[in-house]
Protein backbone atom coordinates (compact mmCIF):
# COMPACT_ATOMS: atom_id res chain seq x y z
CA UNK A 1 -29.46 -10.07 -27.24
CA UNK A 2 -25.72 -9.87 -27.99
CA UNK A 3 -25.70 -6.16 -27.21
CA UNK A 4 -27.27 -6.84 -23.81
CA UNK A 5 -24.65 -9.49 -23.04
CA UNK A 6 -21.83 -7.12 -24.00
CA UNK A 7 -23.34 -4.35 -21.92
CA UNK A 8 -23.77 -6.66 -18.92
CA UNK A 9 -20.20 -7.92 -19.27
CA UNK A 10 -18.89 -4.34 -19.41
CA UNK A 11 -20.93 -3.34 -16.34
CA UNK A 12 -19.52 -6.31 -14.42
CA UNK A 13 -15.96 -5.34 -15.44
CA UNK A 14 -16.58 -1.78 -14.25
CA UNK A 15 -18.00 -3.04 -10.93
CA UNK A 16 -14.99 -5.32 -10.39
CA UNK A 17 -12.54 -2.49 -11.13
CA UNK A 18 -14.41 -0.08 -8.85
CA UNK A 19 -14.40 -2.66 -6.05
CA UNK A 20 -10.65 -3.25 -6.52
CA UNK A 21 -9.94 0.48 -6.27
CA UNK A 22 -12.08 0.80 -3.14
CA UNK A 23 -10.19 -2.09 -1.53
CA UNK A 24 -6.90 -0.32 -2.25
CA UNK A 25 -8.22 2.95 -0.82
CA UNK A 26 -9.46 1.24 2.38
CA UNK A 27 -6.16 -0.59 3.02
CA UNK A 28 -4.87 0.75 6.36
CA UNK A 29 -1.29 -0.52 5.89
CA UNK A 30 1.06 2.35 5.03
CA UNK A 31 4.62 1.02 4.79
CA UNK A 32 6.14 4.50 4.59
CA UNK A 33 5.15 4.96 8.23
CA UNK A 34 7.20 1.93 9.29
CA UNK A 35 10.50 2.52 7.50
CA UNK A 36 13.57 3.11 9.64
CA UNK A 37 15.00 6.58 9.29
CA UNK A 38 18.56 5.74 10.26
CA UNK A 39 20.49 4.97 13.44
CA UNK A 40 19.03 6.32 16.65
CA UNK A 41 20.65 7.81 19.75
CA UNK A 42 21.43 4.42 21.34
CA UNK A 43 23.35 3.33 18.25
CA UNK A 44 25.28 6.60 18.20
CA UNK A 45 26.14 6.29 21.91
CA UNK A 46 27.39 2.74 21.41
CA UNK A 47 29.46 3.55 18.30
CA UNK A 48 31.10 6.81 19.31
CA UNK A 49 34.70 7.22 18.32
CA UNK A 50 37.08 6.15 21.07
CA UNK A 51 34.42 4.12 22.91
CA UNK A 52 35.60 0.68 24.01
């Protein structure tokens, strides 16, 4: 009986971990796609040397 309880508990832990990993894999948010890559052309035009 104790062996069955331990086995069941371990199977539940495996199922929870598998579900957690699947949730991470399905997450559509990819922050690396939204990072700024530096000043753009409008910033450069505004901040040119000698511009007033």
